[in-house]
């Protein structure tokens, strides 16, 4: 269940998105690093919580789909997009996004294609990410 504050922030973030945000120039690696380093963002898509990502020095990241499983990785700029690679990704290869800074925060389009997944920064997370650690079996 989505916390009421997160749901309200998600709706406000979506309401603040306009063609104006996407009409801006994509963020460069320097812009993205300056905006994100040292922060943790909750992301939403289609009005629903999508995931959370924490940004560290040296372009290192930690991602979770809000399920307690966290993936360590890094990002880099390639062909004007910000590309992410995660250490334990079963589908190796970059996941590239075009980031824009909108009035309500970051807007990210997968592969720079508005017909693909679009993520919106819902809020700068105040709580640390929930990472449960490796599963141990018999």
N, C-alpha and C. Protein backbone atom coordinates (compact mmCIF):
# COMPACT_ATOMS: atom_id res chain seq x y z
N UNK A 1 0.84 -1.18 0.00
CA UNK A 1 0.00 0.00 0.00
C UNK A 1 0.88 1.23 0.00
N UNK A 2 0.53 2.22 -0.79
CA UNK A 2 1.32 3.44 -0.91
C UNK A 2 0.95 4.38 0.22
N UNK A 3 1.97 4.93 0.88
CA UNK A 3 1.72 5.91 1.93
C UNK A 3 1.01 7.12 1.32
N UNK A 4 0.05 7.73 2.06
CA UNK A 4 -0.69 8.87 1.51
C UNK A 4 0.22 10.01 1.06
N UNK A 5 1.29 10.27 1.80
CA UNK A 5 2.19 11.37 1.42
C UNK A 5 2.87 11.05 0.10
N UNK A 6 3.32 9.80 -0.08
CA UNK A 6 3.97 9.42 -1.32
C UNK A 6 2.98 9.47 -2.48
N UNK A 7 1.76 9.02 -2.25
CA UNK A 7 0.75 9.06 -3.31
C UNK A 7 0.45 10.50 -3.72
N UNK A 8 0.32 11.38 -2.74
CA UNK A 8 0.06 12.79 -3.04
C UNK A 8 1.24 13.40 -3.79
N UNK A 9 2.45 13.08 -3.36
CA UNK A 9 3.63 13.61 -4.05
C UNK A 9 3.70 13.09 -5.47
N UNK A 10 3.31 11.82 -5.68
CA UNK A 10 3.32 11.25 -7.02
C UNK A 10 2.35 11.99 -7.92
N UNK A 11 1.15 12.26 -7.42
CA UNK A 11 0.16 12.98 -8.21
C UNK A 11 0.61 14.40 -8.50
N UNK A 12 1.21 15.06 -7.52
CA UNK A 12 1.71 16.41 -7.74
C UNK A 12 2.83 16.40 -8.78
N UNK A 13 3.70 15.40 -8.69
CA UNK A 13 4.79 15.29 -9.66
C UNK A 13 4.27 15.11 -11.06
N UNK A 14 3.24 14.28 -11.22
CA UNK A 14 2.65 14.07 -12.53
C UNK A 14 1.93 15.31 -13.01
N UNK A 15 1.26 16.00 -12.10
CA UNK A 15 0.54 17.22 -12.48
C UNK A 15 1.52 18.30 -12.90
N UNK A 16 2.71 18.32 -12.30
CA UNK A 16 3.71 19.34 -12.62
C UNK A 16 4.43 19.06 -13.93
N UNK A 17 4.26 17.85 -14.48
CA UNK A 17 4.92 17.51 -15.73
C UNK A 17 4.14 18.12 -16.89
N UNK A 18 4.86 18.75 -17.77
CA UNK A 18 4.21 19.31 -18.95
C UNK A 18 5.14 19.14 -20.13
N UNK A 19 4.65 19.48 -21.29
CA UNK A 19 5.50 19.46 -22.47
C UNK A 19 6.70 20.36 -22.30
N UNK A 20 6.57 21.37 -21.43
CA UNK A 20 7.68 22.29 -21.18
C UNK A 20 8.88 21.54 -20.62
N UNK A 21 8.66 20.59 -19.71
CA UNK A 21 9.77 19.84 -19.12
C UNK A 21 10.51 19.06 -20.19
N UNK A 22 9.74 18.46 -21.10
CA UNK A 22 10.37 17.63 -22.12
C UNK A 22 10.92 18.47 -23.27
N UNK A 23 10.51 19.74 -23.37
CA UNK A 23 11.02 20.61 -24.41
C UNK A 23 12.41 21.12 -24.06
N UNK A 24 12.81 20.99 -22.81
CA UNK A 24 14.12 21.43 -22.39
C UNK A 24 15.18 20.49 -22.94
N UNK A 25 16.41 20.95 -22.89
CA UNK A 25 17.52 20.12 -23.34
C UNK A 25 17.76 18.99 -22.34
N UNK A 26 18.14 17.82 -22.83
CA UNK A 26 18.49 16.72 -21.92
C UNK A 26 19.66 17.12 -21.02
N UNK A 27 19.68 16.56 -19.84
CA UNK A 27 20.78 16.83 -18.90
C UNK A 27 22.05 16.16 -19.41
N UNK A 28 23.17 16.84 -19.25
CA UNK A 28 24.47 16.25 -19.53
C UNK A 28 24.89 15.42 -18.32
N UNK A 29 25.96 14.67 -18.45
CA UNK A 29 26.48 13.90 -17.32
C UNK A 29 26.83 14.82 -16.16
N UNK A 30 27.40 15.97 -16.45
CA UNK A 30 27.77 16.92 -15.40
C UNK A 30 26.53 17.45 -14.70
N UNK A 31 25.48 17.79 -15.47
CA UNK A 31 24.22 18.27 -14.88
C UNK A 31 23.60 17.19 -13.99
N UNK A 32 23.54 15.97 -14.51
CA UNK A 32 22.93 14.87 -13.79
C UNK A 32 23.69 14.58 -12.50
N UNK A 33 25.02 14.56 -12.57
CA UNK A 33 25.84 14.29 -11.39
C UNK A 33 25.63 15.38 -10.34
N UNK A 34 25.63 16.61 -10.75
CA UNK A 34 25.44 17.74 -9.83
C UNK A 34 24.06 17.65 -9.16
N UNK A 35 23.04 17.27 -9.92
CA UNK A 35 21.68 17.20 -9.41
C UNK A 35 21.48 16.02 -8.46
N UNK A 36 22.08 14.87 -8.77
CA UNK A 36 21.75 13.63 -8.07
C UNK A 36 22.74 13.20 -6.98
N UNK A 37 24.00 13.55 -7.09
CA UNK A 37 25.02 13.02 -6.18
C UNK A 37 24.67 13.30 -4.72
N UNK A 38 24.73 12.24 -3.91
CA UNK A 38 24.46 12.34 -2.49
C UNK A 38 22.99 12.29 -2.13
N UNK A 39 22.13 12.04 -3.11
CA UNK A 39 20.69 12.05 -2.86
C UNK A 39 20.09 10.67 -3.12
N UNK A 40 18.89 10.49 -2.65
CA UNK A 40 18.10 9.29 -2.90
C UNK A 40 16.74 9.75 -3.41
N UNK A 41 16.34 9.25 -4.58
CA UNK A 41 15.08 9.66 -5.19
C UNK A 41 14.10 8.50 -5.28
N UNK A 42 12.85 8.78 -4.95
CA UNK A 42 11.75 7.87 -5.24
C UNK A 42 11.27 8.23 -6.64
N UNK A 43 11.03 7.21 -7.46
CA UNK A 43 10.53 7.43 -8.81
C UNK A 43 9.15 6.81 -8.96
N UNK A 44 8.32 7.44 -9.79
CA UNK A 44 7.01 6.93 -10.12
C UNK A 44 6.84 6.83 -11.62
N UNK A 45 5.88 6.01 -12.04
CA UNK A 45 5.54 5.87 -13.45
C UNK A 45 4.05 5.57 -13.55
N UNK A 46 3.38 6.25 -14.46
CA UNK A 46 1.94 6.04 -14.65
C UNK A 46 1.15 6.18 -13.34
N UNK A 47 1.55 7.12 -12.50
CA UNK A 47 0.83 7.37 -11.26
C UNK A 47 1.07 6.37 -10.15
N UNK A 48 2.05 5.46 -10.33
CA UNK A 48 2.34 4.44 -9.33
C UNK A 48 3.80 4.51 -8.91
N UNK A 49 4.12 4.13 -7.66
CA UNK A 49 5.53 4.04 -7.26
C UNK A 49 6.25 3.04 -8.16
N UNK A 50 7.47 3.36 -8.55
CA UNK A 50 8.23 2.50 -9.46
C UNK A 50 9.49 1.95 -8.80
N UNK A 51 10.26 2.82 -8.15
CA UNK A 51 11.49 2.37 -7.53
C UNK A 51 12.18 3.51 -6.81
N UNK A 52 13.32 3.19 -6.24
CA UNK A 52 14.11 4.18 -5.51
C UNK A 52 15.58 3.98 -5.89
N UNK A 53 16.29 5.09 -6.04
CA UNK A 53 17.71 4.99 -6.38
C UNK A 53 18.51 5.98 -5.56
N UNK A 54 19.64 5.49 -5.06
CA UNK A 54 20.55 6.28 -4.26
C UNK A 54 21.80 6.55 -5.10
N UNK A 55 22.26 7.80 -5.09
CA UNK A 55 23.38 8.23 -5.92
C UNK A 55 24.58 8.58 -5.05
N UNK A 56 25.72 7.99 -5.37
CA UNK A 56 26.95 8.16 -4.59
C UNK A 56 28.01 8.88 -5.41
N UNK A 57 29.14 9.16 -4.78
CA UNK A 57 30.30 9.70 -5.49
C UNK A 57 30.77 8.70 -6.54
N UNK A 58 31.55 9.19 -7.47
CA UNK A 58 32.14 8.36 -8.53
C UNK A 58 31.11 7.65 -9.38
N UNK A 59 29.92 8.26 -9.50
CA UNK A 59 28.85 7.75 -10.37
C UNK A 59 28.38 6.34 -9.99
N UNK A 60 28.47 6.00 -8.72
CA UNK A 60 27.96 4.73 -8.22
C UNK A 60 26.52 4.92 -7.78
N UNK A 61 25.70 3.85 -7.92
CA UNK A 61 24.29 3.91 -7.57
C UNK A 61 23.85 2.63 -6.86
N UNK A 62 22.70 2.73 -6.20
CA UNK A 62 22.03 1.56 -5.63
C UNK A 62 20.56 1.70 -5.99
N UNK A 63 19.97 0.67 -6.62
CA UNK A 63 18.59 0.70 -7.12
C UNK A 63 17.75 -0.37 -6.43
N UNK A 64 16.47 -0.09 -6.22
CA UNK A 64 15.51 -1.08 -5.76
C UNK A 64 14.15 -0.79 -6.37
N UNK A 65 13.42 -1.86 -6.72
CA UNK A 65 12.05 -1.74 -7.19
C UNK A 65 11.09 -1.67 -5.99
N UNK A 66 11.57 -1.26 -4.84
CA UNK A 66 10.79 -1.12 -3.60
C UNK A 66 10.41 -2.47 -3.01
N UNK A 67 11.18 -3.51 -3.34
CA UNK A 67 10.89 -4.84 -2.84
C UNK A 67 11.94 -5.35 -1.85
N UNK A 68 12.89 -4.50 -1.48
CA UNK A 68 13.93 -4.90 -0.55
C UNK A 68 15.17 -5.46 -1.21
N UNK A 69 15.06 -5.83 -2.50
CA UNK A 69 16.23 -6.28 -3.26
C UNK A 69 16.91 -5.05 -3.84
N UNK A 70 18.20 -4.92 -3.56
CA UNK A 70 18.94 -3.76 -4.05
C UNK A 70 20.05 -4.20 -4.98
N UNK A 71 20.29 -3.42 -6.00
CA UNK A 71 21.34 -3.71 -6.97
C UNK A 71 22.33 -2.56 -6.98
N UNK A 72 23.59 -2.90 -6.85
CA UNK A 72 24.66 -1.92 -6.91
C UNK A 72 25.06 -1.74 -8.38
N UNK A 73 25.42 -0.54 -8.75
CA UNK A 73 25.82 -0.31 -10.13
C UNK A 73 26.52 1.02 -10.30
N UNK A 74 26.62 1.42 -11.55
CA UNK A 74 27.25 2.70 -11.89
C UNK A 74 26.54 3.27 -13.11
N UNK A 75 26.79 4.55 -13.37
CA UNK A 75 26.20 5.19 -14.54
C UNK A 75 27.29 5.93 -15.30
N UNK A 76 26.99 6.20 -16.57
CA UNK A 76 27.91 6.93 -17.44
C UNK A 76 27.08 7.55 -18.57
N UNK A 77 27.66 8.50 -19.26
CA UNK A 77 26.98 9.13 -20.39
C UNK A 77 27.40 8.44 -21.68
N UNK A 78 26.41 8.16 -22.53
CA UNK A 78 26.68 7.55 -23.83
C UNK A 78 25.66 8.09 -24.83
N UNK A 79 26.14 8.67 -25.89
CA UNK A 79 25.27 9.21 -26.95
C UNK A 79 24.21 10.16 -26.41
N UNK A 80 24.58 10.97 -25.44
CA UNK A 80 23.68 11.97 -24.87
C UNK A 80 22.69 11.43 -23.86
N UNK A 81 22.77 10.13 -23.54
CA UNK A 81 21.88 9.54 -22.53
C UNK A 81 22.70 9.14 -21.31
N UNK A 82 22.02 8.99 -20.17
CA UNK A 82 22.63 8.50 -18.95
C UNK A 82 22.34 7.01 -18.88
N UNK A 83 23.39 6.20 -18.90
CA UNK A 83 23.25 4.75 -18.95
C UNK A 83 23.66 4.13 -17.62
N UNK A 84 22.90 3.14 -17.19
CA UNK A 84 23.13 2.45 -15.92
C UNK A 84 23.46 0.99 -16.19
N UNK A 85 24.42 0.48 -15.44
CA UNK A 85 24.72 -0.95 -15.45
C UNK A 85 24.81 -1.40 -14.00
N UNK A 86 24.18 -2.55 -13.72
CA UNK A 86 24.11 -3.05 -12.35
C UNK A 86 24.88 -4.36 -12.25
N UNK A 87 25.58 -4.54 -11.12
CA UNK A 87 26.47 -5.67 -10.93
C UNK A 87 25.78 -7.02 -11.05
N UNK A 88 24.59 -7.17 -10.52
CA UNK A 88 23.91 -8.48 -10.51
C UNK A 88 22.79 -8.57 -11.53
N UNK A 89 22.83 -7.74 -12.57
CA UNK A 89 21.76 -7.73 -13.56
C UNK A 89 21.82 -8.98 -14.43
N UNK A 90 20.73 -9.78 -14.49
CA UNK A 90 20.74 -10.98 -15.31
C UNK A 90 20.74 -10.65 -16.81
N UNK A 91 20.38 -9.44 -17.16
CA UNK A 91 20.38 -8.99 -18.55
C UNK A 91 21.45 -7.92 -18.67
N UNK A 92 22.72 -8.34 -18.76
CA UNK A 92 23.79 -7.35 -18.77
C UNK A 92 23.67 -6.41 -19.96
N UNK A 93 24.21 -5.27 -19.78
CA UNK A 93 24.14 -4.24 -20.80
C UNK A 93 23.51 -3.00 -20.21
N UNK A 94 23.73 -1.90 -20.85
CA UNK A 94 23.25 -0.64 -20.28
C UNK A 94 21.74 -0.47 -20.41
N UNK A 95 21.18 0.23 -19.43
CA UNK A 95 19.81 0.70 -19.47
C UNK A 95 19.93 2.22 -19.56
N UNK A 96 19.66 2.77 -20.73
CA UNK A 96 19.94 4.18 -20.99
C UNK A 96 18.66 5.02 -20.95
N UNK A 97 18.78 6.18 -20.35
CA UNK A 97 17.67 7.09 -20.14
C UNK A 97 18.09 8.50 -20.54
N UNK A 98 17.13 9.28 -21.01
CA UNK A 98 17.33 10.70 -21.23
C UNK A 98 16.66 11.41 -20.07
N UNK A 99 17.44 12.21 -19.32
CA UNK A 99 16.93 12.92 -18.15
C UNK A 99 16.72 14.39 -18.48
N UNK A 100 15.63 14.93 -17.96
CA UNK A 100 15.31 16.35 -18.06
C UNK A 100 15.03 16.85 -16.66
N UNK A 101 15.34 18.11 -16.41
CA UNK A 101 14.98 18.71 -15.13
C UNK A 101 13.70 19.50 -15.33
N UNK A 102 12.61 19.01 -14.77
CA UNK A 102 11.32 19.68 -14.88
C UNK A 102 11.02 20.48 -13.62
N UNK A 103 9.90 21.15 -13.62
CA UNK A 103 9.50 21.97 -12.48
C UNK A 103 9.32 21.13 -11.22
N UNK A 104 8.88 19.86 -11.39
CA UNK A 104 8.65 18.99 -10.24
C UNK A 104 9.79 18.04 -9.96
N UNK A 105 10.92 18.16 -10.65
CA UNK A 105 12.06 17.27 -10.44
C UNK A 105 12.47 16.61 -11.74
N UNK A 106 13.16 15.49 -11.62
CA UNK A 106 13.65 14.78 -12.79
C UNK A 106 12.53 14.10 -13.55
N UNK A 107 12.68 14.07 -14.86
CA UNK A 107 11.84 13.28 -15.75
C UNK A 107 12.82 12.46 -16.58
N UNK A 108 12.58 11.14 -16.65
CA UNK A 108 13.48 10.26 -17.38
C UNK A 108 12.69 9.45 -18.40
N UNK A 109 13.17 9.44 -19.63
CA UNK A 109 12.55 8.64 -20.69
C UNK A 109 13.51 7.51 -21.07
N UNK A 110 13.01 6.28 -21.02
CA UNK A 110 13.83 5.13 -21.37
C UNK A 110 14.23 5.22 -22.83
N UNK A 111 15.50 5.06 -23.09
CA UNK A 111 16.09 5.13 -24.43
C UNK A 111 15.76 6.45 -25.13
N UNK A 112 15.36 7.47 -24.35
CA UNK A 112 15.03 8.77 -24.94
C UNK A 112 13.76 8.75 -25.77
N UNK A 113 12.94 7.70 -25.61
CA UNK A 113 11.74 7.52 -26.43
C UNK A 113 10.49 7.80 -25.59
N UNK A 114 9.72 8.85 -25.91
CA UNK A 114 8.53 9.15 -25.11
C UNK A 114 7.47 8.06 -25.14
N UNK A 115 7.57 7.11 -26.06
CA UNK A 115 6.61 5.99 -26.11
C UNK A 115 7.03 4.83 -25.21
N UNK A 116 8.23 4.92 -24.63
CA UNK A 116 8.72 3.91 -23.70
C UNK A 116 8.39 4.33 -22.27
N UNK A 117 8.93 3.61 -21.29
CA UNK A 117 8.72 3.94 -19.88
C UNK A 117 9.23 5.35 -19.59
N UNK A 118 8.40 6.13 -18.89
CA UNK A 118 8.81 7.44 -18.43
C UNK A 118 8.70 7.44 -16.91
N UNK A 119 9.79 7.86 -16.26
CA UNK A 119 9.82 7.94 -14.80
C UNK A 119 9.83 9.40 -14.37
N UNK A 120 9.24 9.65 -13.21
CA UNK A 120 9.19 10.99 -12.64
C UNK A 120 9.75 10.94 -11.24
N UNK A 121 10.60 11.91 -10.91
CA UNK A 121 11.07 12.02 -9.54
C UNK A 121 9.88 12.43 -8.68
N UNK A 122 9.56 11.61 -7.71
CA UNK A 122 8.44 11.89 -6.83
C UNK A 122 8.90 12.76 -5.68
N UNK A 123 10.02 12.40 -5.09
CA UNK A 123 10.56 13.18 -3.99
C UNK A 123 11.96 12.74 -3.70
N UNK A 124 12.70 13.63 -3.05
CA UNK A 124 14.01 13.29 -2.53
C UNK A 124 13.73 12.53 -1.24
N UNK A 125 14.05 11.24 -1.20
CA UNK A 125 13.70 10.39 -0.06
C UNK A 125 14.42 10.84 1.21
N UNK A 126 13.68 10.88 2.29
CA UNK A 126 14.25 11.24 3.58
C UNK A 126 14.72 10.00 4.34
N UNK A 127 14.11 8.87 4.08
CA UNK A 127 14.45 7.63 4.77
C UNK A 127 15.47 6.85 3.96
N UNK A 128 16.33 6.10 4.64
CA UNK A 128 17.29 5.27 3.90
C UNK A 128 16.57 4.17 3.13
N UNK A 129 17.22 3.69 2.09
CA UNK A 129 16.65 2.60 1.29
C UNK A 129 16.57 1.33 2.13
N UNK A 130 15.56 0.52 1.85
CA UNK A 130 15.42 -0.78 2.50
C UNK A 130 16.07 -1.82 1.60
N UNK A 131 17.19 -2.37 2.07
CA UNK A 131 17.90 -3.44 1.35
C UNK A 131 18.01 -4.61 2.31
N UNK A 132 17.35 -5.71 1.98
CA UNK A 132 17.26 -6.85 2.90
C UNK A 132 18.49 -7.74 2.90
N UNK A 133 19.33 -7.68 1.91
CA UNK A 133 20.50 -8.53 1.87
C UNK A 133 20.23 -9.83 1.13
N UNK A 134 21.26 -10.66 0.98
CA UNK A 134 21.11 -11.88 0.18
C UNK A 134 20.19 -12.88 0.85
N UNK A 135 19.46 -13.62 -0.01
CA UNK A 135 18.60 -14.69 0.51
C UNK A 135 19.47 -15.90 0.80
N UNK A 136 19.19 -16.54 1.92
CA UNK A 136 19.95 -17.72 2.33
C UNK A 136 19.01 -18.91 2.30
N UNK A 137 19.40 -19.94 1.61
CA UNK A 137 18.52 -21.11 1.48
C UNK A 137 19.16 -22.36 2.05
N UNK A 138 18.43 -23.44 1.95
CA UNK A 138 18.92 -24.74 2.44
C UNK A 138 19.70 -25.41 1.36
